[in-house]
């Protein structure tokens, strides 16, 4: 809320230079309303006009920062070659819905990450695979988490050859 003093009530307020953060509106009453949709620093000048038409101006700077977005779970379980794998990532702290992408690294061969956070598929190679998953909220704010998934070989039953037969 922007206020003025001196002059004669009522006052009306308008932005005369610069821009308020996208998603916010300055009403003539001096009230800001809305939800900011873009991170950044915004400079603007507001003019107050009293009932006799006298004016005064004030410069403002508003900094909009993205909220902290946390990607979970903290760790992912291991998988096994040729065995289905399915785990879901989720995020909180921003403005849903979230879109998930791999920022760096690689998922195990045979696995994919869907836009809604599901890691699924059937791994085809054993090894240790490190990647960073990123959640992007509907305002473009991001959260990241690094993961390592270890894919182990398929377990082979212990085969014992039959011994000689004694009669």
Protein backbone atom coordinates (compact mmCIF):
# COMPACT_ATOMS: atom_id res chain seq x y z
CA UNK A 1 0.00 0.00 0.00
CA UNK A 2 1.32 3.41 -0.95
CA UNK A 3 0.29 6.40 1.14
CA UNK A 4 0.57 10.16 0.74
CA UNK A 5 0.25 13.03 3.16
CA UNK A 6 -0.15 16.76 2.76
CA UNK A 7 -2.51 18.18 0.17
CA UNK A 8 -6.16 17.21 0.20
CA UNK A 9 -7.71 13.75 0.32
CA UNK A 10 -8.59 11.68 -1.58
CA UNK A 11 -5.37 10.81 -3.39
CA UNK A 12 -5.05 8.80 -6.57
CA UNK A 13 -1.89 6.93 -7.50
CA UNK A 14 -0.49 6.04 -10.93
CA UNK A 15 2.76 4.66 -12.29
CA UNK A 16 4.29 7.41 -14.43
CA UNK A 17 7.64 5.80 -15.30
CA UNK A 18 9.03 2.26 -15.38
CA UNK A 19 6.98 -0.86 -14.73
CA UNK A 20 5.74 -2.68 -11.66
CA UNK A 21 6.64 -6.38 -11.50
CA UNK A 22 4.60 -8.47 -13.99
CA UNK A 23 1.56 -9.94 -12.27
CA UNK A 24 1.16 -6.98 -9.89
CA UNK A 25 -1.20 -4.04 -10.38
CA UNK A 26 -1.14 -0.67 -8.67
CA UNK A 27 -4.72 0.51 -8.13
CA UNK A 28 -5.53 4.22 -7.96
CA UNK A 29 -6.15 3.74 -4.20
CA UNK A 30 -2.43 2.95 -3.74
CA UNK A 31 -2.98 -0.75 -3.18
CA UNK A 32 -0.81 -3.32 -4.94
CA UNK A 33 -2.54 -6.59 -5.77
CA UNK A 34 -1.67 -9.76 -7.64
CA UNK A 35 1.02 -12.41 -7.71
CA UNK A 36 4.39 -11.54 -9.23
CA UNK A 37 5.24 -13.83 -12.14
CA UNK A 38 8.81 -12.82 -12.97
CA UNK A 39 11.97 -12.74 -10.89
CA UNK A 40 14.04 -9.58 -11.08
CA UNK A 41 14.52 -5.99 -9.94
CA UNK A 42 11.87 -3.50 -11.05
CA UNK A 43 12.19 0.29 -10.91
CA UNK A 44 9.19 2.56 -11.25
CA UNK A 45 7.91 5.99 -10.27
CA UNK A 46 4.51 6.53 -8.65
CA UNK A 47 2.69 9.82 -8.82
CA UNK A 48 0.20 10.84 -6.14
CA UNK A 49 -2.48 13.36 -7.12
CA UNK A 50 -4.68 15.03 -4.52
CA UNK A 51 -8.26 16.27 -4.93
CA UNK A 52 -7.04 19.68 -6.19
CA UNK A 53 -4.78 18.14 -8.85
CA UNK A 54 -1.51 18.77 -7.00
CA UNK A 55 1.05 16.02 -7.59
CA UNK A 56 4.14 14.50 -6.03
CA UNK A 57 6.29 11.60 -7.25
CA UNK A 58 8.31 8.90 -5.53
CA UNK A 59 10.74 6.36 -7.05
CA UNK A 60 10.51 2.71 -5.96
CA UNK A 61 12.64 -0.36 -6.46
CA UNK A 62 11.10 -3.79 -5.88
CA UNK A 63 13.09 -7.02 -5.98
CA UNK A 64 11.15 -10.21 -6.72
CA UNK A 65 12.95 -13.47 -5.92
CA UNK A 66 11.92 -17.01 -6.68
CA UNK A 67 10.90 -19.15 -3.74
CA UNK A 68 13.12 -22.03 -2.69
CA UNK A 69 11.96 -25.15 -4.50
CA UNK A 70 12.90 -28.47 -2.93
CA UNK A 71 13.08 -31.60 -5.08
CA UNK A 72 12.43 -34.90 -3.28
CA UNK A 73 13.11 -37.67 -2.42
CA UNK A 74 16.62 -37.02 -1.12
CA UNK A 75 17.97 -40.33 -2.53
CA UNK A 76 16.87 -42.85 -5.12
CA UNK A 77 17.11 -46.62 -4.65
CA UNK A 78 19.33 -48.87 -6.72
CA UNK A 79 17.96 -50.87 -9.60
CA UNK A 80 18.78 -54.12 -11.35
CA UNK A 81 19.60 -54.80 -14.99
CA UNK A 82 16.52 -56.01 -16.92
CA UNK A 83 14.17 -55.35 -13.97
CA UNK A 84 11.51 -52.59 -14.17
CA UNK A 85 12.32 -49.38 -12.27
CA UNK A 86 9.74 -46.77 -11.26
CA UNK A 87 10.21 -43.86 -8.86
CA UNK A 88 8.50 -40.47 -8.68
CA UNK A 89 10.18 -37.14 -7.98
CA UNK A 90 8.15 -34.33 -6.47
CA UNK A 91 8.74 -30.70 -5.59
CA UNK A 92 7.43 -28.14 -3.18
CA UNK A 93 8.03 -24.51 -2.36
CA UNK A 94 7.19 -22.94 -5.69
CA UNK A 95 4.04 -22.56 -7.71
CA UNK A 96 2.76 -25.84 -9.11
CA UNK A 97 2.49 -27.45 -11.52
CA UNK A 98 6.14 -28.41 -11.91
CA UNK A 99 7.92 -29.71 -14.99
CA UNK A 100 10.88 -32.04 -14.41
CA UNK A 101 13.95 -32.26 -16.65
CA UNK A 102 17.48 -33.64 -16.45
CA UNK A 103 19.78 -30.63 -16.14
CA UNK A 104 23.13 -32.45 -16.21
CA UNK A 105 24.37 -36.02 -16.35
CA UNK A 106 22.52 -39.10 -17.53
CA UNK A 107 19.93 -41.53 -16.29
CA UNK A 108 20.80 -45.21 -16.53
CA UNK A 109 20.36 -46.62 -20.05
CA UNK A 110 16.73 -47.66 -20.48
CA UNK A 111 15.29 -45.15 -17.98
CA UNK A 112 13.53 -41.87 -18.75
CA UNK A 113 12.27 -38.94 -16.70
CA UNK A 114 8.76 -37.76 -17.64
CA UNK A 115 7.77 -34.11 -17.37
CA UNK A 116 5.63 -34.97 -14.32
CA UNK A 117 8.62 -36.43 -12.44
CA UNK A 118 8.35 -40.18 -13.02
CA UNK A 119 11.61 -42.05 -13.58
CA UNK A 120 10.69 -45.30 -15.26
CA UNK A 121 11.82 -47.99 -17.63
CA UNK A 122 14.03 -51.05 -17.56
CA UNK A 123 17.76 -50.43 -17.09
CA UNK A 124 19.91 -52.26 -19.63
CA UNK A 125 23.44 -51.70 -18.28
CA UNK A 126 24.95 -51.99 -14.84
CA UNK A 127 26.91 -49.09 -13.38
CA UNK A 128 26.68 -45.90 -11.37
CA UNK A 129 24.76 -43.06 -13.03
CA UNK A 130 24.84 -39.48 -11.67
CA UNK A 131 22.52 -36.73 -12.82
CA UNK A 132 20.84 -33.54 -11.64
CA UNK A 133 17.06 -33.37 -11.83
CA UNK A 134 15.49 -29.92 -12.07
CA UNK A 135 11.91 -28.93 -11.26
CA UNK A 136 10.60 -25.82 -13.02
CA UNK A 137 7.46 -24.22 -11.60
CA UNK A 138 4.80 -22.41 -13.61
CA UNK A 139 6.61 -19.05 -13.13
CA UNK A 140 9.98 -20.40 -14.34
CA UNK A 141 11.54 -20.73 -10.88
CA UNK A 142 13.72 -23.80 -10.41
CA UNK A 143 14.88 -26.27 -7.81
CA UNK A 144 17.52 -28.97 -8.32
CA UNK A 145 18.80 -32.14 -6.70
CA UNK A 146 21.70 -34.39 -7.68
CA UNK A 147 21.16 -38.13 -7.65
CA UNK A 148 23.15 -41.28 -8.20
CA UNK A 149 21.37 -44.48 -9.22
CA UNK A 150 23.39 -47.69 -9.03
CA UNK A 151 22.27 -50.44 -11.37
CA UNK A 152 23.44 -53.88 -10.29
CA UNK A 153 23.69 -56.98 -12.47
CA UNK A 154 20.86 -59.43 -12.37
CA UNK A 155 21.41 -62.04 -9.68
CA UNK A 156 22.29 -65.43 -11.06
CA UNK A 157 21.33 -68.40 -8.90
CA UNK A 158 24.26 -70.35 -7.54
CA UNK A 159 24.54 -73.34 -9.82
CA UNK A 160 26.15 -76.46 -8.36
CA UNK A 161 26.97 -79.28 -10.71
CA UNK A 162 25.69 -82.61 -9.47
CA UNK A 163 28.38 -84.86 -8.03
CA UNK A 164 29.10 -88.39 -9.21
CA UNK A 165 26.51 -90.97 -8.52
CA UNK A 166 27.70 -93.90 -6.39
CA UNK A 167 25.96 -97.26 -6.69
